[in-house]
Amino acid sequence: MQLASSGAPAVLLAHSYYLRHDPKQVQKMRPYPPLATLITASVLRQHGIDVTLFDAMLASGVEEFYRTLDAVRPAVVTIVEDNFNFLTKMCTVRMRTAALDMVRAAGRAGARVAVNGSDATDHPQLYLDAGADAVIVGEVEPTVLDLVRAWRAHRNAPLDVIPGLVLPAAPRDPRRDDRHPGFRRTAARPALEDLDTLPFPAWDLVDRQGYRSEWLRAHGRWSWNLVASRGCPYRCNWCAKPLFGSRYTQRSPGHVAEELRRLRETVGPDHVWFADDIFGLTPQWIQTFAREVAARGARTPFTMQSRVNLMKPAVVEALASAGAEEVWLGVESGSQKILDAMDKGTDLAQIRRATRCLKAHGIRSCWFIQLGYLGEEWDDILLTRDLIRAEQPDEIGVSVSYPLPGTSFYQTVRTQLREKINWEHSDDLAMMFAGTYDTDFYRLVRDLLHQEVRQPAAGAETAGASLDRRWEELTRLESRARRGNGRPLPVC
């Protein structure tokens, strides 16, 4: 932590994703600095405002935030979640608990408090009730700048003139939200049109050596994160877009390549993770990016996310040239019926072509798989297994359908939601609505799907026979695991 040095009222930026609170992520140990928070810090600095950062990622717990409050004694605390970290969109119980504890502590310390993030956007009343003076919705950077300027000028500055806020409302306040009388909204903040106007993240504010040490200890190399765009134009009906909506905005290829060059020069990671929902929407952007990277001598191995329909040969060739070594694809299911139900807009032929094209260019093909979507039956699960067997992705990530507020999928299953509406941590995998099977069964399926990918090449025939037997056992169990059966499953 670096303390701001000016004599003006102190400003503390923070986020609430504590890696130590998530056992699965501790095991994976792939920590990335809070990108959205660091970009916000750079914007404040750009306008002459010194900031102190509390980085929860490597912290042991919220007690470290309390100690930071004591050391900094800030007049303003802004919790800016890293909205480019997909784990923040889940908002696990532990993350929300930490965030609310931080809000309360900052309020007790006498600071003005604002919060921005997916959960605060979806549930602003929770954060206002905890003591937040404002919840920031939409594009965070210009709103934080306006807020900090207002509060540094006067602690009780009127905030209704600042767009992009949710504010507490008194019982008789005529400005109250019609559906949520506990708060009122200011005018909507226009979306940022030119992302190139944003400065590069304030990398110097985080413990770079701490990140490097954790990565080297776990993986023998270290990775850092960048982002080239915001949002996603596709309309998968289970995907939440509380901050950017369906708008997709890209930085210019040259601007991203220059950040990559600067990152190599000042931070020096071995690898880069592009945290975009979709990296490089068009062939033209990706091909230009590859040329800009080459012109700067900035080629760095990187991982990214995309869609199978975008992985055309010319695109994959340009990605390989730019340094792509791993692409995560939203495959979701081996059943076309389920893909169509999700409004995914992809088909099985595209999955096969994309996977084979990536492999042909030496790029690892990794799949996101989603179990438990409405209408998924045992035959659909077996189709997913068969697709994995046939195409052999290099790695898979398996989850169950997770109802996120603001999605049409959430509205469809809303009446089926149980008391538990958030996972405890990212490996929870609890079914939170009445899917076809119970949670324990989906966990067994997840484990077997992972085994399909991990079985060693040596002795593959023996391993395959063993897996077949386990699938046969699971087939015999599946009727018992259906909702409403009430009979416990034996360990498979």
Foldseek 3Di string as FASTA:
>chain_A
DDAFDDPFAAEEEEAQDAQLLFVVCLLVLADAWLFLRQLLQQLCVVVPHTYAYDTRHDDPALVVVLVVCVVHLGQAYEHEGSQLDVQQLLVFPNSVVSVLVSQLSCVVSNHAYEYEGNVCLQPVVSNVVSPHQKYFAARDRVLVNVVVVQCSVPVPGDDLVRAGIKGADDQPRPQADPVGRGIHHHHHDDHDAAPLVGDGGPVVNDDLVVQQVSCCVNPVFHEYEDEFKDAALACQQLDDDRHHPNDIHGHQLLSRLVSLLVCCVPRNGQEYEHSYQAPDQALVRLQVNLVNNVVSVRQHAYEYEHELVRQDLSNLLSCVSSHYAEYEYAPAFLDVVVCVVRSVPDHPVSVQVNLVSNVVSNHAYEYEYEPQQAPDDPVRLVSRLVSCLVRQGLYYHYAYRQHRPPGVSCVVFVVFFDPDRGHNHPVRRADRGQTFFGSVLVVLSVVLSRLSNPPDPVVNVVSVVVSVVSVVVSVVCSVCGTPPNPDDDDDD
